[in-house]
Amino acid sequence: MGLYNSITKASTRGEVRHYDSHGTITDKVLDGSSDGITPSTDFQWQVNAPTRIATPTTATVEEAEKEELEAIEYGNQVANGVRVMKARAKKVREHVKLVLEHRNYSGVVVKATTTISAANKGLADKIQDARKALAGMGHNLDNKIQTTDHEVEKIKARYNQGRK
């Protein structure tokens, strides 16, 4: 039956488990962050900038004062924008620490899982070895009992033969 099963791929034990399957796909592994920047990121190279004065121009006092106030306000907005980016950069650095520690933790879990699986496999091997040994001992004991029963019957037959 084993030869038939190996040729036809038929088996009474069910399908082989997926011991060697994995979810480690390069694209997914290297795509480290949902909002990260990679070489394939469509980066915004062009930035919003104050309107450029293309030619020399004159202005009124009101226009100059308005421009100065807008420049002060723009300077404050830039300072606030810089503060936002610094705060976000700090959050990114802290997030990196969190992710690194999680990956270290996950590595410990992977190693522990593999170690436990290896211990389980070792125990399963011992159990199967014990099963084989017990089967052999049982067969030998059954043979011994049968041989002894036969010998006892021969002895009984020899001694009981003359008593009738």
N, C-alpha and C. Protein backbone atom coordinates (compact mmCIF):
# COMPACT_ATOMS: atom_id res chain seq x y z
N MET A 1 0.81 -1.19 0.00
CA MET A 1 0.00 0.00 0.00
C MET A 1 0.86 1.25 0.00
N GLY A 2 2.03 1.22 0.66
CA GLY A 2 2.91 2.37 0.69
C GLY A 2 3.41 2.75 -0.69
N LEU A 3 3.77 1.75 -1.50
CA LEU A 3 4.24 2.00 -2.87
C LEU A 3 3.11 2.61 -3.69
N TYR A 4 1.91 2.06 -3.56
CA TYR A 4 0.76 2.59 -4.29
C TYR A 4 0.52 4.05 -3.91
N ASN A 5 0.56 4.34 -2.60
CA ASN A 5 0.34 5.70 -2.13
C ASN A 5 1.40 6.65 -2.65
N SER A 6 2.67 6.21 -2.68
CA SER A 6 3.73 7.10 -3.14
C SER A 6 3.62 7.36 -4.63
N ILE A 7 3.13 6.39 -5.40
CA ILE A 7 2.97 6.58 -6.85
C ILE A 7 1.76 7.44 -7.15
N THR A 8 0.64 7.15 -6.49
CA THR A 8 -0.61 7.85 -6.80
C THR A 8 -0.82 9.09 -5.95
N LYS A 9 0.05 9.33 -5.00
CA LYS A 9 -0.06 10.45 -4.06
C LYS A 9 -1.29 10.29 -3.17
N ALA A 10 -1.82 9.08 -3.09
CA ALA A 10 -2.96 8.82 -2.20
C ALA A 10 -2.42 8.58 -0.80
N SER A 11 -3.18 8.95 0.19
CA SER A 11 -2.74 8.73 1.55
C SER A 11 -3.96 8.62 2.45
N THR A 12 -3.85 7.79 3.46
CA THR A 12 -4.94 7.67 4.41
C THR A 12 -4.74 8.61 5.58
N ARG A 13 -3.63 9.30 5.66
CA ARG A 13 -3.33 10.19 6.78
C ARG A 13 -3.73 11.64 6.52
N GLY A 14 -4.20 11.96 5.36
CA GLY A 14 -4.55 13.35 5.06
C GLY A 14 -3.37 14.06 4.42
N GLU A 15 -3.58 15.33 4.12
CA GLU A 15 -2.54 16.08 3.42
C GLU A 15 -1.39 16.44 4.35
N VAL A 16 -0.23 16.63 3.76
CA VAL A 16 0.95 17.04 4.51
C VAL A 16 0.74 18.46 5.02
N ARG A 17 1.14 18.71 6.23
CA ARG A 17 1.02 20.05 6.80
C ARG A 17 2.00 20.99 6.11
N HIS A 18 1.76 22.26 6.23
CA HIS A 18 2.62 23.26 5.59
C HIS A 18 3.71 23.69 6.56
N TYR A 19 4.63 22.79 6.86
CA TYR A 19 5.68 23.10 7.82
C TYR A 19 6.66 24.13 7.30
N ASP A 20 6.79 24.21 5.98
CA ASP A 20 7.79 25.12 5.42
C ASP A 20 7.16 26.37 4.81
N SER A 21 5.90 26.63 5.06
CA SER A 21 5.28 27.83 4.48
C SER A 21 5.73 29.06 5.27
N HIS A 22 5.59 30.21 4.65
CA HIS A 22 6.01 31.45 5.32
C HIS A 22 5.31 32.64 4.69
N GLY A 23 5.35 33.75 5.39
CA GLY A 23 4.76 34.99 4.90
C GLY A 23 5.82 36.06 4.71
N THR A 24 7.08 35.63 4.57
CA THR A 24 8.17 36.58 4.43
C THR A 24 8.33 36.91 2.95
N ILE A 25 7.70 37.99 2.54
CA ILE A 25 7.76 38.43 1.15
C ILE A 25 8.56 39.72 1.13
N THR A 26 9.59 39.75 0.29
CA THR A 26 10.55 40.86 0.28
C THR A 26 9.87 42.22 0.22
N ASP A 27 8.91 42.37 -0.68
CA ASP A 27 8.25 43.68 -0.82
C ASP A 27 7.65 44.12 0.51
N LYS A 28 7.00 43.19 1.22
CA LYS A 28 6.35 43.53 2.47
C LYS A 28 7.38 43.79 3.57
N VAL A 29 8.45 43.01 3.60
CA VAL A 29 9.47 43.18 4.63
C VAL A 29 10.15 44.53 4.50
N LEU A 30 10.47 44.92 3.28
CA LEU A 30 11.21 46.16 3.07
C LEU A 30 10.34 47.41 3.08
N ASP A 31 9.02 47.25 3.04
CA ASP A 31 8.11 48.39 3.13
C ASP A 31 7.85 48.63 4.61
N GLY A 32 8.82 49.29 5.25
CA GLY A 32 8.84 49.39 6.71
C GLY A 32 7.76 50.23 7.35
N SER A 33 7.22 51.20 6.66
CA SER A 33 6.26 52.09 7.29
C SER A 33 5.17 52.44 6.29
N SER A 34 3.95 52.53 6.78
CA SER A 34 2.83 52.83 5.89
C SER A 34 2.96 54.23 5.28
N ASP A 35 3.68 55.12 5.95
CA ASP A 35 3.84 56.48 5.42
C ASP A 35 5.33 56.84 5.33
N GLY A 36 6.16 55.82 5.10
CA GLY A 36 7.59 56.05 5.02
C GLY A 36 8.01 56.57 3.65
N ILE A 37 9.27 56.89 3.54
CA ILE A 37 9.83 57.37 2.28
C ILE A 37 10.83 56.33 1.80
N THR A 38 10.59 55.82 0.61
CA THR A 38 11.48 54.84 -0.03
C THR A 38 11.88 55.38 -1.39
N PRO A 39 12.80 54.72 -2.09
CA PRO A 39 13.18 55.19 -3.42
C PRO A 39 12.00 55.27 -4.39
N SER A 40 10.97 54.50 -4.16
CA SER A 40 9.83 54.53 -5.08
C SER A 40 8.75 55.54 -4.65
N THR A 41 8.99 56.26 -3.56
CA THR A 41 8.01 57.24 -3.09
C THR A 41 7.94 58.40 -4.08
N ASP A 42 6.72 58.80 -4.41
CA ASP A 42 6.51 59.97 -5.27
C ASP A 42 6.67 61.20 -4.39
N PHE A 43 7.90 61.70 -4.35
CA PHE A 43 8.25 62.80 -3.45
C PHE A 43 7.83 64.13 -4.06
N GLN A 44 7.34 65.04 -3.23
CA GLN A 44 6.96 66.37 -3.68
C GLN A 44 8.20 67.26 -3.73
N TRP A 45 8.79 67.40 -4.91
CA TRP A 45 10.01 68.22 -5.04
C TRP A 45 9.69 69.70 -5.10
N GLN A 46 8.55 70.02 -5.63
CA GLN A 46 8.18 71.42 -5.76
C GLN A 46 7.47 71.85 -4.48
N VAL A 47 7.87 72.98 -3.95
CA VAL A 47 7.28 73.44 -2.69
C VAL A 47 6.57 74.77 -2.91
N ASN A 48 5.60 75.01 -2.04
CA ASN A 48 4.91 76.31 -2.08
C ASN A 48 5.85 77.36 -1.52
N ALA A 49 5.99 78.45 -2.24
CA ALA A 49 6.87 79.53 -1.80
C ALA A 49 6.12 80.85 -1.99
N PRO A 50 6.56 81.86 -1.28
CA PRO A 50 5.92 83.16 -1.50
C PRO A 50 6.03 83.55 -2.97
N THR A 51 5.06 84.29 -3.41
CA THR A 51 5.02 84.71 -4.81
C THR A 51 6.27 85.51 -5.15
N ARG A 52 6.87 85.14 -6.24
CA ARG A 52 8.11 85.78 -6.68
C ARG A 52 7.79 87.09 -7.40
N ILE A 53 8.59 88.06 -7.12
CA ILE A 53 8.46 89.33 -7.86
C ILE A 53 9.38 89.20 -9.07
N ALA A 54 8.78 89.11 -10.23
CA ALA A 54 9.52 88.82 -11.46
C ALA A 54 10.29 90.03 -11.99
N THR A 55 9.79 91.21 -11.75
CA THR A 55 10.46 92.41 -12.27
C THR A 55 10.53 93.47 -11.17
N PRO A 56 11.49 94.37 -11.29
CA PRO A 56 11.54 95.45 -10.30
C PRO A 56 10.22 96.22 -10.31
N THR A 57 9.71 96.51 -9.13
CA THR A 57 8.42 97.18 -9.06
C THR A 57 8.39 98.19 -7.92
N THR A 58 7.53 99.13 -8.02
CA THR A 58 7.36 100.12 -6.96
C THR A 58 6.12 99.75 -6.15
N ALA A 59 5.98 100.37 -4.97
CA ALA A 59 4.83 100.07 -4.14
C ALA A 59 4.47 101.31 -3.34
N THR A 60 3.24 101.32 -2.85
CA THR A 60 2.80 102.41 -1.99
C THR A 60 3.21 102.09 -0.56
N VAL A 61 3.09 103.06 0.34
CA VAL A 61 3.41 102.85 1.74
C VAL A 61 2.49 101.78 2.30
N GLU A 62 1.21 101.82 1.95
CA GLU A 62 0.25 100.83 2.44
C GLU A 62 0.63 99.43 1.96
N GLU A 63 1.03 99.32 0.69
CA GLU A 63 1.42 98.00 0.15
C GLU A 63 2.67 97.49 0.86
N ALA A 64 3.61 98.39 1.12
CA ALA A 64 4.84 97.99 1.80
C ALA A 64 4.55 97.56 3.23
N GLU A 65 3.71 98.30 3.96
CA GLU A 65 3.36 97.93 5.32
C GLU A 65 2.60 96.61 5.35
N LYS A 66 1.67 96.43 4.41
CA LYS A 66 0.91 95.18 4.33
C LYS A 66 1.87 94.02 4.09
N GLU A 67 2.83 94.21 3.19
CA GLU A 67 3.81 93.15 2.89
C GLU A 67 4.67 92.85 4.10
N GLU A 68 5.06 93.89 4.85
CA GLU A 68 5.85 93.68 6.06
C GLU A 68 5.07 92.89 7.11
N LEU A 69 3.80 93.23 7.32
CA LEU A 69 2.97 92.50 8.27
C LEU A 69 2.79 91.04 7.83
N GLU A 70 2.56 90.85 6.54
CA GLU A 70 2.43 89.49 6.01
C GLU A 70 3.74 88.72 6.19
N ALA A 71 4.87 89.41 6.05
CA ALA A 71 6.17 88.76 6.23
C ALA A 71 6.35 88.34 7.68
N ILE A 72 5.91 89.20 8.62
CA ILE A 72 6.00 88.84 10.04
C ILE A 72 5.09 87.64 10.32
N GLU A 73 3.88 87.71 9.81
CA GLU A 73 2.93 86.60 10.00
C GLU A 73 3.47 85.32 9.34
N TYR A 74 4.03 85.48 8.14
CA TYR A 74 4.62 84.32 7.46
C TYR A 74 5.78 83.75 8.27
N GLY A 75 6.60 84.62 8.84
CA GLY A 75 7.72 84.17 9.69
C GLY A 75 7.22 83.38 10.89
N ASN A 76 6.12 83.86 11.50
CA ASN A 76 5.53 83.13 12.62
C ASN A 76 5.00 81.77 12.17
N GLN A 77 4.35 81.72 11.02
CA GLN A 77 3.83 80.46 10.48
C GLN A 77 4.97 79.50 10.15
N VAL A 78 6.07 80.04 9.61
CA VAL A 78 7.24 79.19 9.32
C VAL A 78 7.78 78.63 10.63
N ALA A 79 7.91 79.48 11.64
CA ALA A 79 8.41 79.01 12.94
C ALA A 79 7.50 77.92 13.49
N ASN A 80 6.19 78.11 13.36
CA ASN A 80 5.25 77.09 13.82
C ASN A 80 5.35 75.82 12.97
N GLY A 81 5.54 76.00 11.68
CA GLY A 81 5.72 74.84 10.79
C GLY A 81 6.97 74.05 11.17
N VAL A 82 8.04 74.77 11.50
CA VAL A 82 9.28 74.11 11.93
C VAL A 82 9.03 73.37 13.24
N ARG A 83 8.30 73.98 14.16
CA ARG A 83 7.96 73.32 15.43
C ARG A 83 7.17 72.03 15.17
N VAL A 84 6.21 72.11 14.25
CA VAL A 84 5.41 70.92 13.91
C VAL A 84 6.32 69.81 13.36
N MET A 85 7.21 70.17 12.43
CA MET A 85 8.09 69.15 11.84
C MET A 85 9.04 68.57 12.87
N LYS A 86 9.55 69.40 13.78
CA LYS A 86 10.43 68.89 14.85
C LYS A 86 9.65 67.93 15.76
N ALA A 87 8.41 68.31 16.09
CA ALA A 87 7.57 67.44 16.94
C ALA A 87 7.28 66.12 16.22
N ARG A 88 6.96 66.21 14.92
CA ARG A 88 6.71 64.99 14.15
C ARG A 88 7.96 64.14 14.05
N ALA A 89 9.12 64.79 13.86
CA ALA A 89 10.38 64.04 13.79
C ALA A 89 10.64 63.31 15.10
N LYS A 90 10.34 63.99 16.23
CA LYS A 90 10.50 63.34 17.53
C LYS A 90 9.56 62.14 17.63
N LYS A 91 8.32 62.28 17.18
CA LYS A 91 7.37 61.17 17.21
C LYS A 91 7.88 60.02 16.33
N VAL A 92 8.44 60.34 15.17
CA VAL A 92 8.97 59.30 14.29
C VAL A 92 10.12 58.56 14.98
N ARG A 93 11.04 59.32 15.61
CA ARG A 93 12.16 58.69 16.32
C ARG A 93 11.65 57.79 17.44
N GLU A 94 10.65 58.25 18.19
CA GLU A 94 10.08 57.44 19.27
C GLU A 94 9.38 56.21 18.69
N HIS A 95 8.70 56.39 17.57
CA HIS A 95 8.03 55.25 16.92
C HIS A 95 9.05 54.21 16.47
N VAL A 96 10.19 54.68 15.98
CA VAL A 96 11.26 53.75 15.58
C VAL A 96 11.70 52.92 16.79
N LYS A 97 11.87 53.56 17.93
CA LYS A 97 12.25 52.83 19.15
C LYS A 97 11.21 51.75 19.46
N LEU A 98 9.94 52.13 19.38
CA LEU A 98 8.86 51.19 19.66
C LEU A 98 8.89 50.01 18.68
N VAL A 99 9.04 50.32 17.39
CA VAL A 99 9.06 49.25 16.38
C VAL A 99 10.27 48.35 16.57
N LEU A 100 11.45 48.96 16.83
CA LEU A 100 12.66 48.14 17.04
C LEU A 100 12.48 47.20 18.22
N GLU A 101 11.91 47.72 19.32
CA GLU A 101 11.71 46.85 20.48
C GLU A 101 10.68 45.77 20.19
N HIS A 102 9.64 46.12 19.41
CA HIS A 102 8.66 45.11 19.04
C HIS A 102 9.28 44.03 18.17
N ARG A 103 10.16 44.42 17.24
CA ARG A 103 10.83 43.43 16.39
C ARG A 103 11.76 42.55 17.23
N ASN A 104 12.46 43.14 18.21
CA ASN A 104 13.29 42.34 19.12
C ASN A 104 12.42 41.35 19.89
N TYR A 105 11.30 41.84 20.42
CA TYR A 105 10.36 40.98 21.13
C TYR A 105 9.86 39.86 20.22
N SER A 106 9.47 40.22 19.00
CA SER A 106 8.97 39.22 18.05
C SER A 106 10.04 38.18 17.76
N GLY A 107 11.31 38.61 17.67
CA GLY A 107 12.41 37.66 17.46
C GLY A 107 12.53 36.69 18.62
N VAL A 108 12.35 37.19 19.85
CA VAL A 108 12.37 36.31 21.03
C VAL A 108 11.23 35.30 20.96
N VAL A 109 10.05 35.78 20.54
CA VAL A 109 8.90 34.88 20.43
C VAL A 109 9.15 33.82 19.37
N VAL A 110 9.73 34.22 18.23
CA VAL A 110 10.04 33.26 17.17
C VAL A 110 11.01 32.20 17.69
N LYS A 111 12.07 32.65 18.35
CA LYS A 111 13.06 31.71 18.88
C LYS A 111 12.43 30.79 19.93
N ALA A 112 11.60 31.35 20.81
CA ALA A 112 10.93 30.54 21.83
C ALA A 112 9.99 29.53 21.18
N THR A 113 9.25 29.96 20.17
CA THR A 113 8.34 29.05 19.48
C THR A 113 9.10 27.90 18.84
N THR A 114 10.22 28.23 18.20
CA THR A 114 11.04 27.20 17.56
C THR A 114 11.63 26.26 18.60
N THR A 115 12.09 26.81 19.72
CA THR A 115 12.67 25.99 20.79
C THR A 115 11.62 25.06 21.38
N ILE A 116 10.42 25.59 21.61
CA ILE A 116 9.33 24.76 22.13
C ILE A 116 8.97 23.68 21.13
N SER A 117 8.88 24.04 19.85
CA SER A 117 8.56 23.05 18.81
C SER A 117 9.63 21.96 18.76
N ALA A 118 10.90 22.36 18.91
CA ALA A 118 11.99 21.37 18.92
C ALA A 118 11.87 20.45 20.13
N ALA A 119 11.52 21.01 21.29
CA ALA A 119 11.33 20.18 22.48
C ALA A 119 10.15 19.23 22.30
N ASN A 120 9.06 19.74 21.72
CA ASN A 120 7.90 18.90 21.44
C ASN A 120 8.27 17.77 20.48
N LYS A 121 9.04 18.10 19.45
CA LYS A 121 9.46 17.10 18.47
C LYS A 121 10.33 16.06 19.14
N GLY A 122 11.25 16.50 20.02
CA GLY A 122 12.10 15.56 20.74
C GLY A 122 11.28 14.61 21.60
N LEU A 123 10.28 15.15 22.29
CA LEU A 123 9.41 14.30 23.10
C LEU A 123 8.60 13.36 22.22
N ALA A 124 8.09 13.85 21.11
CA ALA A 124 7.33 13.00 20.19
C ALA A 124 8.21 11.86 19.68
N ASP A 125 9.50 12.16 19.37
CA ASP A 125 10.43 11.10 18.95
C ASP A 125 10.56 10.04 20.03
N LYS A 126 10.70 10.48 21.29
CA LYS A 126 10.84 9.53 22.39
C LYS A 126 9.58 8.70 22.56
N ILE A 127 8.43 9.33 22.41
CA ILE A 127 7.17 8.60 22.52
C ILE A 127 7.07 7.55 21.41
N GLN A 128 7.45 7.93 20.19
CA GLN A 128 7.41 6.96 19.08
C GLN A 128 8.42 5.85 19.30
N ASP A 129 9.61 6.19 19.83
CA ASP A 129 10.59 5.15 20.16
C ASP A 129 10.03 4.20 21.21
N ALA A 130 9.34 4.77 22.22
CA ALA A 130 8.74 3.94 23.27
C ALA A 130 7.65 3.06 22.68
N ARG A 131 6.88 3.59 21.76
CA ARG A 131 5.82 2.83 21.09
C ARG A 131 6.42 1.64 20.36
N LYS A 132 7.51 1.91 19.64
CA LYS A 132 8.19 0.84 18.90
C LYS A 132 8.75 -0.21 19.88
N ALA A 133 9.40 0.27 20.96
CA ALA A 133 9.98 -0.66 21.95
C ALA A 133 8.88 -1.48 22.61
N LEU A 134 7.78 -0.83 23.01
CA LEU A 134 6.69 -1.55 23.66
C LEU A 134 6.05 -2.56 22.71
N ALA A 135 5.91 -2.18 21.44
CA ALA A 135 5.36 -3.12 20.47
C ALA A 135 6.26 -4.35 20.35
N GLY A 136 7.57 -4.10 20.29
CA GLY A 136 8.51 -5.23 20.22
C GLY A 136 8.45 -6.09 21.47
N MET A 137 8.43 -5.45 22.65
CA MET A 137 8.35 -6.21 23.90
C MET A 137 7.04 -6.97 23.99
N GLY A 138 5.95 -6.34 23.57
CA GLY A 138 4.65 -7.00 23.60
C GLY A 138 4.63 -8.22 22.69
N HIS A 139 5.19 -8.06 21.50
CA HIS A 139 5.25 -9.19 20.56
C HIS A 139 6.09 -10.32 21.15
N ASN A 140 7.25 -9.96 21.72
CA ASN A 140 8.11 -10.97 22.34
C ASN A 140 7.41 -11.65 23.51
N LEU A 141 6.69 -10.87 24.33
CA LEU A 141 5.97 -11.44 25.47
C LEU A 141 4.85 -12.36 24.99
N ASP A 142 4.12 -11.92 23.97
CA ASP A 142 3.05 -12.77 23.40
C ASP A 142 3.63 -14.09 22.91
N ASN A 143 4.78 -14.03 22.21
CA ASN A 143 5.43 -15.26 21.74
C ASN A 143 5.85 -16.12 22.92
N LYS A 144 6.41 -15.49 23.96
CA LYS A 144 6.85 -16.23 25.15
C LYS A 144 5.67 -16.92 25.82
N ILE A 145 4.56 -16.18 25.97
CA ILE A 145 3.37 -16.75 26.60
C ILE A 145 2.86 -17.93 25.77
N GLN A 146 2.81 -17.74 24.45
CA GLN A 146 2.32 -18.81 23.58
C GLN A 146 3.23 -20.04 23.66
N THR A 147 4.54 -19.81 23.64
CA THR A 147 5.50 -20.92 23.73
C THR A 147 5.38 -21.61 25.09
N THR A 148 5.29 -20.82 26.15
CA THR A 148 5.17 -21.38 27.50
C THR A 148 3.86 -22.14 27.64
N ASP A 149 2.75 -21.59 27.16
CA ASP A 149 1.46 -22.29 27.20
C ASP A 149 1.56 -23.63 26.48
N HIS A 150 2.21 -23.64 25.34
CA HIS A 150 2.37 -24.86 24.56
C HIS A 150 3.21 -25.88 25.35
N GLU A 151 4.30 -25.41 25.97
CA GLU A 151 5.16 -26.30 26.77
C GLU A 151 4.40 -26.85 27.97
N VAL A 152 3.62 -26.00 28.64
CA VAL A 152 2.83 -26.43 29.79
C VAL A 152 1.81 -27.48 29.36
N GLU A 153 1.17 -27.27 28.24
CA GLU A 153 0.20 -28.24 27.72
C GLU A 153 0.86 -29.57 27.42
N LYS A 154 2.09 -29.51 26.89
CA LYS A 154 2.82 -30.76 26.63
C LYS A 154 3.12 -31.49 27.94
N ILE A 155 3.53 -30.70 28.97
CA ILE A 155 3.84 -31.31 30.27
C ILE A 155 2.57 -31.92 30.87
N LYS A 156 1.48 -31.17 30.85
CA LYS A 156 0.22 -31.66 31.39
C LYS A 156 -0.21 -32.93 30.66
N ALA A 157 -0.05 -32.94 29.38
CA ALA A 157 -0.46 -34.10 28.59
C ALA A 157 0.40 -35.30 28.94
N ARG A 158 1.67 -35.10 29.16
CA ARG A 158 2.58 -36.19 29.49
C ARG A 158 2.23 -36.79 30.86
N TYR A 159 1.96 -35.95 31.87
CA TYR A 159 1.71 -36.45 33.23
C TYR A 159 0.27 -36.92 33.42
N ASN A 160 -0.64 -36.36 32.71
CA ASN A 160 -2.03 -36.78 32.85
C ASN A 160 -2.37 -37.97 31.98
N GLN A 161 -1.51 -38.37 31.12
CA GLN A 161 -1.76 -39.44 30.18
C GLN A 161 -1.92 -40.78 30.90
N GLY A 162 -1.16 -41.04 31.88
CA GLY A 162 -1.23 -42.32 32.54
C GLY A 162 -2.22 -42.40 33.67
N ARG A 163 -2.94 -41.43 34.08
CA ARG A 163 -3.77 -41.42 35.28
C ARG A 163 -5.17 -41.96 35.03
N LYS A 164 -5.63 -42.06 33.89
CA LYS A 164 -7.01 -42.46 33.68
C LYS A 164 -7.24 -43.86 33.95
